């Protein structure tokens, strides 16, 4: 395995890469969620309204 310092540098490098990508990923997932969540929830909301 790594030494402590090498592991820290490895993590720092990957966190930096991830944080730069993560904004795009977050946007992508937010878009997906905002698109698919209403579609998946609508039938249930419809049923809930029928039986409420």
Protein backbone atom coordinates (compact mmCIF):
# COMPACT_ATOMS: atom_id res chain seq x y z
CA UNK A 1 0.00 0.00 0.00
CA UNK A 2 0.92 3.68 -0.07
CA UNK A 3 2.81 5.51 2.62
CA UNK A 4 0.74 8.11 4.46
CA UNK A 5 2.05 11.07 2.46
CA UNK A 6 1.72 9.37 -0.91
CA UNK A 7 -1.86 8.38 -0.09
CA UNK A 8 -2.65 11.97 0.90
CA UNK A 9 -1.23 13.35 -2.38
CA UNK A 10 -3.14 10.70 -4.32
CA UNK A 11 -6.37 11.67 -2.59
CA UNK A 12 -5.75 15.39 -3.09
CA UNK A 13 -5.15 14.90 -6.79
CA UNK A 14 -8.30 12.85 -7.25
CA UNK A 15 -10.42 15.16 -5.10
CA UNK A 16 -9.29 18.09 -7.26
CA UNK A 17 -10.18 16.19 -10.44
CA UNK A 18 -13.48 15.04 -8.96
CA UNK A 19 -14.50 18.47 -7.71
CA UNK A 20 -13.96 19.95 -11.16
CA UNK A 21 -16.01 17.18 -12.78
CA UNK A 22 -18.58 16.94 -10.02
CA UNK A 23 -20.24 20.23 -10.94
CA UNK A 24 -21.04 18.83 -14.38
CA UNK A 25 -22.11 15.51 -12.86
CA UNK A 26 -24.33 17.24 -10.31
CA UNK A 27 -25.96 19.28 -13.06
CA UNK A 28 -26.46 16.13 -15.12
CA UNK A 29 -28.02 14.21 -12.24
CA UNK A 30 -30.19 17.15 -11.20
CA UNK A 31 -31.46 17.33 -14.77
CA UNK A 32 -32.09 13.59 -14.85
CA UNK A 33 -33.81 13.62 -11.48
CA UNK A 34 -35.95 16.65 -12.30
CA UNK A 35 -36.96 14.95 -15.54
CA UNK A 36 -37.56 11.40 -14.30
CA UNK A 37 -38.83 12.04 -10.78
CA UNK A 38 -42.08 13.71 -11.89
CA UNK A 39 -42.64 10.90 -14.39
CA UNK A 40 -42.13 8.22 -11.75
CA UNK A 41 -44.10 10.09 -9.07
CA UNK A 42 -47.08 11.18 -11.14
CA UNK A 43 -48.83 7.76 -11.19
CA UNK A 44 -48.43 7.46 -7.42
CA UNK A 45 -49.59 11.01 -6.81
CA UNK A 46 -52.54 10.35 -9.09
CA UNK A 47 -53.44 7.19 -7.13
CA UNK A 48 -53.01 9.01 -3.82
CA UNK A 49 -55.39 11.71 -4.99
CA UNK A 50 -57.94 9.09 -6.02
CA UNK A 51 -57.91 7.37 -2.63
CA UNK A 52 -57.42 10.44 -0.42
